[in-house]
Amino acid sequence: MMTTLDEKNAKAPTHGVYFVKDRKGNPDWIRVGSAWINRDGEGMNLSLDNLGQTVILTVRPTKPKAE
């Protein structure tokens, strides 16, 4: 069940991913990819474009280790 996006917009990125380069107090924002909230709402998938290669990353919350 999707809680963050409706079915029609499920494939559209929800976030842009940027590299921010500071140029003497004037930041230059360079778009390097897109991100989507996971269907379970517990993280994001990132698609980064770098020199003609696409890298896919998944970001998940850190959970405490069982003792």
PDB file of N, CA and C in Angstrom:
ATOM      1  N   MET A   1       0.843  -1.180   0.000  1.00  0.00           N
ATOM      2  CA  MET A   1       0.000   0.000   0.000  1.00  0.00           C
ATOM      3  C   MET A   1       0.885   1.239   0.000  1.00  0.00           C
ATOM      4  N   MET A   2       0.618   2.142  -0.915  1.00  0.00           N
ATOM      5  CA  MET A   2       1.408   3.359  -0.992  1.00  0.00           C
ATOM      6  C   MET A   2       0.776   4.426  -0.115  1.00  0.00           C
ATOM      7  N   THR A   3       1.593   5.047   0.699  1.00  0.00           N
ATOM      8  CA  THR A   3       1.067   6.079   1.583  1.00  0.00           C
ATOM      9  C   THR A   3       1.597   7.457   1.227  1.00  0.00           C
ATOM     10  N   THR A   4       2.679   7.525   0.430  1.00  0.00           N
ATOM     11  CA  THR A   4       3.292   8.810   0.146  1.00  0.00           C
ATOM     12  C   THR A   4       3.014   9.322  -1.259  1.00  0.00           C
ATOM     13  N   LEU A   5       2.672   8.445  -2.177  1.00  0.00           N
ATOM     14  CA  LEU A   5       2.394   8.847  -3.546  1.00  0.00           C
ATOM     15  C   LEU A   5       1.142   8.146  -4.035  1.00  0.00           C
ATOM     16  N   ASP A   6       0.407   8.786  -4.910  1.00  0.00           N
ATOM     17  CA  ASP A   6      -0.719   8.074  -5.496  1.00  0.00           C
ATOM     18  C   ASP A   6      -0.225   7.238  -6.678  1.00  0.00           C
ATOM     19  N   GLU A   7      -1.039   6.317  -7.142  1.00  0.00           N
ATOM     20  CA  GLU A   7      -0.631   5.393  -8.203  1.00  0.00           C
ATOM     21  C   GLU A   7      -0.237   6.127  -9.483  1.00  0.00           C
ATOM     22  N   LYS A   8      -0.915   7.202  -9.824  1.00  0.00           N
ATOM     23  CA  LYS A   8      -0.646   7.929 -11.066  1.00  0.00           C
ATOM     24  C   LYS A   8       0.756   8.525 -11.075  1.00  0.00           C
ATOM     25  N   ASN A   9       1.234   9.021  -9.944  1.00  0.00           N
ATOM     26  CA  ASN A   9       2.532   9.685  -9.864  1.00  0.00           C
ATOM     27  C   ASN A   9       3.617   8.810  -9.252  1.00  0.00           C
ATOM     28  N   ALA A  10       3.391   7.511  -9.147  1.00  0.00           N
ATOM     29  CA  ALA A  10       4.311   6.619  -8.447  1.00  0.00           C
ATOM     30  C   ALA A  10       5.703   6.600  -9.057  1.00  0.00           C
ATOM     31  N   LYS A  11       5.847   6.839 -10.353  1.00  0.00           N
ATOM     32  CA  LYS A  11       7.152   6.752 -10.995  1.00  0.00           C
ATOM     33  C   LYS A  11       7.858   8.096 -11.120  1.00  0.00           C
ATOM     34  N   ALA A  12       7.190   9.178 -10.814  1.00  0.00           N
ATOM     35  CA  ALA A  12       7.810  10.495 -10.907  1.00  0.00           C
ATOM     36  C   ALA A  12       8.699  10.734  -9.691  1.00  0.00           C
ATOM     37  N   PRO A  13       9.902  11.292  -9.888  1.00  0.00           N
ATOM     38  CA  PRO A  13      10.769  11.585  -8.737  1.00  0.00           C
ATOM     39  C   PRO A  13      10.092  12.577  -7.793  1.00  0.00           C
ATOM     40  N   THR A  14      10.312  12.380  -6.511  1.00  0.00           N
ATOM     41  CA  THR A  14       9.753  13.291  -5.516  1.00  0.00           C
ATOM     42  C   THR A  14      10.775  14.317  -5.040  1.00  0.00           C
ATOM     43  N   HIS A  15      12.060  14.070  -5.322  1.00  0.00           N
ATOM     44  CA  HIS A  15      13.131  14.959  -4.883  1.00  0.00           C
ATOM     45  C   HIS A  15      14.210  15.054  -5.960  1.00  0.00           C
ATOM     46  N   GLY A  16      14.901  16.176  -5.974  1.00  0.00           N
ATOM     47  CA  GLY A  16      16.103  16.314  -6.788  1.00  0.00           C
ATOM     48  C   GLY A  16      17.313  16.111  -5.887  1.00  0.00           C
ATOM     49  N   VAL A  17      18.404  15.585  -6.445  1.00  0.00           N
ATOM     50  CA  VAL A  17      19.648  15.391  -5.698  1.00  0.00           C
ATOM     51  C   VAL A  17      20.675  16.349  -6.297  1.00  0.00           C
ATOM     52  N   TYR A  18      21.339  17.128  -5.432  1.00  0.00           N
ATOM     53  CA  TYR A  18      22.244  18.170  -5.898  1.00  0.00           C
ATOM     54  C   TYR A  18      23.607  18.078  -5.229  1.00  0.00           C
ATOM     55  N   PHE A  19      24.636  18.439  -5.978  1.00  0.00           N
ATOM     56  CA  PHE A  19      25.972  18.677  -5.442  1.00  0.00           C
ATOM     57  C   PHE A  19      26.058  20.184  -5.288  1.00  0.00           C
ATOM     58  N   VAL A  20      26.388  20.659  -4.097  1.00  0.00           N
ATOM     59  CA  VAL A  20      26.456  22.096  -3.849  1.00  0.00           C
ATOM     60  C   VAL A  20      27.918  22.492  -3.697  1.00  0.00           C
ATOM     61  N   LYS A  21      28.381  23.328  -4.615  1.00  0.00           N
ATOM     62  CA  LYS A  21      29.763  23.799  -4.604  1.00  0.00           C
ATOM     63  C   LYS A  21      29.754  25.265  -4.191  1.00  0.00           C
ATOM     64  N   ASP A  22      30.485  25.575  -3.134  1.00  0.00           N
ATOM     65  CA  ASP A  22      30.531  26.948  -2.628  1.00  0.00           C
ATOM     66  C   ASP A  22      31.573  27.738  -3.407  1.00  0.00           C
ATOM     67  N   ARG A  23      31.133  28.788  -4.033  1.00  0.00           N
ATOM     68  CA  ARG A  23      32.035  29.666  -4.781  1.00  0.00           C
ATOM     69  C   ARG A  23      32.080  31.022  -4.088  1.00  0.00           C
ATOM     70  N   LYS A  24      32.940  31.102  -3.073  1.00  0.00           N
ATOM     71  CA  LYS A  24      33.140  32.353  -2.328  1.00  0.00           C
ATOM     72  C   LYS A  24      31.821  32.927  -1.826  1.00  0.00           C
ATOM     73  N   GLY A  25      31.046  32.092  -1.130  1.00  0.00           N
ATOM     74  CA  GLY A  25      29.792  32.537  -0.542  1.00  0.00           C
ATOM     75  C   GLY A  25      28.604  32.494  -1.483  1.00  0.00           C
ATOM     76  N   ASN A  26      28.819  32.122  -2.735  1.00  0.00           N
ATOM     77  CA  ASN A  26      27.731  32.027  -3.702  1.00  0.00           C
ATOM     78  C   ASN A  26      27.607  30.572  -4.149  1.00  0.00           C
ATOM     79  N   PRO A  27      26.753  29.775  -3.485  1.00  0.00           N
ATOM     80  CA  PRO A  27      26.675  28.346  -3.797  1.00  0.00           C
ATOM     81  C   PRO A  27      26.172  28.081  -5.212  1.00  0.00           C
ATOM     82  N   ASP A  28      26.780  27.097  -5.844  1.00  0.00           N
ATOM     83  CA  ASP A  28      26.395  26.647  -7.173  1.00  0.00           C
ATOM     84  C   ASP A  28      25.763  25.269  -7.015  1.00  0.00           C
ATOM     85  N   TRP A  29      24.482  25.148  -7.300  1.00  0.00           N
ATOM     86  CA  TRP A  29      23.754  23.884  -7.141  1.00  0.00           C
ATOM     87  C   TRP A  29      23.774  23.151  -8.472  1.00  0.00           C
ATOM     88  N   ILE A  30      24.352  21.965  -8.493  1.00  0.00           N
ATOM     89  CA  ILE A  30      24.461  21.162  -9.702  1.00  0.00           C
ATOM     90  C   ILE A  30      23.616  19.902  -9.510  1.00  0.00           C
ATOM     91  N   ARG A  31      22.612  19.732 -10.338  1.00  0.00           N
ATOM     92  CA  ARG A  31      21.743  18.550 -10.209  1.00  0.00           C
ATOM     93  C   ARG A  31      22.506  17.313 -10.675  1.00  0.00           C
ATOM     94  N   VAL A  32      22.530  16.298  -9.814  1.00  0.00           N
ATOM     95  CA  VAL A  32      23.253  15.065 -10.124  1.00  0.00           C
ATOM     96  C   VAL A  32      22.334  13.846 -10.158  1.00  0.00           C
ATOM     97  N   GLY A  33      21.050  14.036  -9.877  1.00  0.00           N
ATOM     98  CA  GLY A  33      20.157  12.883  -9.911  1.00  0.00           C
ATOM     99  C   GLY A  33      18.783  13.189  -9.360  1.00  0.00           C
ATOM    100  N   SER A  34      18.053  12.103  -9.094  1.00  0.00           N
ATOM    101  CA  SER A  34      16.684  12.181  -8.594  1.00  0.00           C
ATOM    102  C   SER A  34      16.500  11.191  -7.460  1.00  0.00           C
ATOM    103  N   ALA A  35      15.449  11.410  -6.672  1.00  0.00           N
ATOM    104  CA  ALA A  35      15.164  10.507  -5.554  1.00  0.00           C
ATOM    105  C   ALA A  35      13.663  10.283  -5.452  1.00  0.00           C
ATOM    106  N   TRP A  36      13.323   9.100  -4.956  1.00  0.00           N
ATOM    107  CA  TRP A  36      11.939   8.701  -4.746  1.00  0.00           C
ATOM    108  C   TRP A  36      11.798   8.185  -3.328  1.00  0.00           C
ATOM    109  N   ILE A  37      10.685   8.505  -2.683  1.00  0.00           N
ATOM    110  CA  ILE A  37      10.384   7.941  -1.374  1.00  0.00           C
ATOM    111  C   ILE A  37       9.959   6.494  -1.597  1.00  0.00           C
ATOM    112  N   ASN A  38      10.490   5.578  -0.783  1.00  0.00           N
ATOM    113  CA  ASN A  38      10.118   4.167  -0.894  1.00  0.00           C
ATOM    114  C   ASN A  38       8.632   3.994  -0.626  1.00  0.00           C
ATOM    115  N   ARG A  39       8.063   2.971  -1.204  1.00  0.00           N
ATOM    116  CA  ARG A  39       6.626   2.709  -1.037  1.00  0.00           C
ATOM    117  C   ARG A  39       6.233   2.526   0.413  1.00  0.00           C
ATOM    118  N   ASP A  40       7.151   1.963   1.218  1.00  0.00           N
ATOM    119  CA  ASP A  40       6.827   1.752   2.631  1.00  0.00           C
ATOM    120  C   ASP A  40       7.070   3.003   3.475  1.00  0.00           C
ATOM    121  N   GLY A  41       7.558   4.071   2.862  1.00  0.00           N
ATOM    122  CA  GLY A  41       7.809   5.316   3.577  1.00  0.00           C
ATOM    123  C   GLY A  41       9.006   5.269   4.501  1.00  0.00           C
ATOM    124  N   GLU A  42       9.812   4.218   4.427  1.00  0.00           N
ATOM    125  CA  GLU A  42      10.943   4.016   5.338  1.00  0.00           C
ATOM    126  C   GLU A  42      12.289   4.369   4.717  1.00  0.00           C
ATOM    127  N   GLY A  43      12.325   5.223   3.757  1.00  0.00           N
ATOM    128  CA  GLY A  43      13.603   5.594   3.154  1.00  0.00           C
ATOM    129  C   GLY A  43      13.401   6.113   1.745  1.00  0.00           C
ATOM    130  N   MET A  44      14.500   6.170   0.996  1.00  0.00           N
ATOM    131  CA  MET A  44      14.463   6.704  -0.359  1.00  0.00           C
ATOM    132  C   MET A  44      15.349   5.885  -1.284  1.00  0.00           C
ATOM    133  N   ASN A  45      15.027   5.917  -2.571  1.00  0.00           N
ATOM    134  CA  ASN A  45      15.894   5.393  -3.608  1.00  0.00           C
ATOM    135  C   ASN A  45      16.451   6.587  -4.361  1.00  0.00           C
ATOM    136  N   LEU A  46      17.762   6.588  -4.596  1.00  0.00           N
ATOM    137  CA  LEU A  46      18.416   7.668  -5.313  1.00  0.00           C
ATOM    138  C   LEU A  46      18.983   7.140  -6.614  1.00  0.00           C
ATOM    139  N   SER A  47      18.834   7.905  -7.675  1.00  0.00           N
ATOM    140  CA  SER A  47      19.425   7.593  -8.962  1.00  0.00           C
ATOM    141  C   SER A  47      20.374   8.737  -9.286  1.00  0.00           C
ATOM    142  N   LEU A  48      21.680   8.443  -9.313  1.00  0.00           N
ATOM    143  CA  LEU A  48      22.693   9.462  -9.560  1.00  0.00           C
ATOM    144  C   LEU A  48      23.326   9.238 -10.923  1.00  0.00           C
ATOM    145  N   ASP A  49      23.446  10.305 -11.701  1.00  0.00           N
ATOM    146  CA  ASP A  49      24.077  10.233 -13.015  1.00  0.00           C
ATOM    147  C   ASP A  49      25.467  10.843 -12.916  1.00  0.00           C
ATOM    148  N   ASN A  50      26.487  10.045 -13.273  1.00  0.00           N
ATOM    149  CA  ASN A  50      27.865  10.501 -13.147  1.00  0.00           C
ATOM    150  C   ASN A  50      28.681   9.990 -14.326  1.00  0.00           C
ATOM    151  N   LEU A  51      29.144  10.899 -15.162  1.00  0.00           N
ATOM    152  CA  LEU A  51      29.994  10.562 -16.303  1.00  0.00           C
ATOM    153  C   LEU A  51      29.399   9.448 -17.161  1.00  0.00           C
ATOM    154  N   GLY A  52      28.120   9.547 -17.444  1.00  0.00           N
ATOM    155  CA  GLY A  52      27.463   8.580 -18.304  1.00  0.00           C
ATOM    156  C   GLY A  52      27.043   7.291 -17.619  1.00  0.00           C
ATOM    157  N   GLN A  53      27.322   7.154 -16.340  1.00  0.00           N
ATOM    158  CA  GLN A  53      26.939   5.967 -15.579  1.00  0.00           C
ATOM    159  C   GLN A  53      25.820   6.347 -14.609  1.00  0.00           C
ATOM    160  N   THR A  54      24.865   5.451 -14.442  1.00  0.00           N
ATOM    161  CA  THR A  54      23.805   5.667 -13.464  1.00  0.00           C
ATOM    162  C   THR A  54      24.049   4.757 -12.271  1.00  0.00           C
ATOM    163  N   VAL A  55      24.054   5.350 -11.092  1.00  0.00           N
ATOM    164  CA  VAL A  55      24.255   4.609  -9.849  1.00  0.00           C
ATOM    165  C   VAL A  55      22.955   4.691  -9.061  1.00  0.00           C
ATOM    166  N   ILE A  56      22.473   3.546  -8.588  1.00  0.00           N
ATOM    167  CA  ILE A  56      21.254   3.500  -7.781  1.00  0.00           C
ATOM    168  C   ILE A  56      21.648   3.246  -6.329  1.00  0.00           C
ATOM    169  N   LEU A  57      21.171   4.089  -5.425  1.00  0.00           N
ATOM    170  CA  LEU A  57      21.421   3.939  -3.992  1.00  0.00           C
ATOM    171  C   LEU A  57      20.085   3.836  -3.273  1.00  0.00           C
ATOM    172  N   THR A  58      20.068   3.111  -2.177  1.00  0.00           N
ATOM    173  CA  THR A  58      18.890   3.039  -1.318  1.00  0.00           C
ATOM    174  C   THR A  58      19.281   3.535   0.062  1.00  0.00           C
ATOM    175  N   VAL A  59      18.512   4.466   0.587  1.00  0.00           N
ATOM    176  CA  VAL A  59      18.752   5.030   1.915  1.00  0.00           C
ATOM    177  C   VAL A  59      17.675   4.485   2.844  1.00  0.00           C
ATOM    178  N   ARG A  60      18.093   3.868   3.935  1.00  0.00           N
ATOM    179  CA  ARG A  60      17.166   3.296   4.907  1.00  0.00           C
ATOM    180  C   ARG A  60      17.529   3.813   6.295  1.00  0.00           C
ATOM    181  N   PRO A  61      16.555   3.949   7.194  1.00  0.00           N
ATOM    182  CA  PRO A  61      16.860   4.393   8.549  1.00  0.00           C
ATOM    183  C   PRO A  61      17.703   3.352   9.289  1.00  0.00           C
ATOM    184  N   THR A  62      18.574   3.844  10.142  1.00  0.00           N
ATOM    185  CA  THR A  62      19.385   2.964  10.978  1.00  0.00           C
ATOM    186  C   THR A  62      18.516   2.451  12.116  1.00  0.00           C
ATOM    187  N   LYS A  63      18.550   1.150  12.307  1.00  0.00           N
ATOM    188  CA  LYS A  63      17.765   0.546  13.387  1.00  0.00           C
ATOM    189  C   LYS A  63      18.728   0.006  14.431  1.00  0.00           C
ATOM    190  N   PRO A  64      18.380   0.115  15.708  1.00  0.00           N
ATOM    191  CA  PRO A  64      19.275  -0.389  16.760  1.00  0.00           C
ATOM    192  C   PRO A  64      19.493  -1.892  16.626  1.00  0.00           C
ATOM    193  N   LYS A  65      20.731  -2.315  16.891  1.00  0.00           N
ATOM    194  CA  LYS A  65      21.053  -3.741  16.844  1.00  0.00           C
ATOM    195  C   LYS A  65      20.505  -4.435  18.082  1.00  0.00           C
ATOM    196  N   ALA A  66      20.021  -5.647  17.893  1.00  0.00           N
ATOM    197  CA  ALA A  66      19.527  -6.437  19.024  1.00  0.00           C
ATOM    198  C   ALA A  66      20.708  -6.887  19.875  1.00  0.00           C
ATOM    199  N   GLU A  67      20.544  -6.839  21.178  1.00  0.00           N
ATOM    200  CA  GLU A  67      21.637  -7.238  22.078  1.00  0.00           C
ATOM    201  C   GLU A  67      21.530  -8.674  22.470  1.00  0.00           C
TER     202      GLU A  67
END
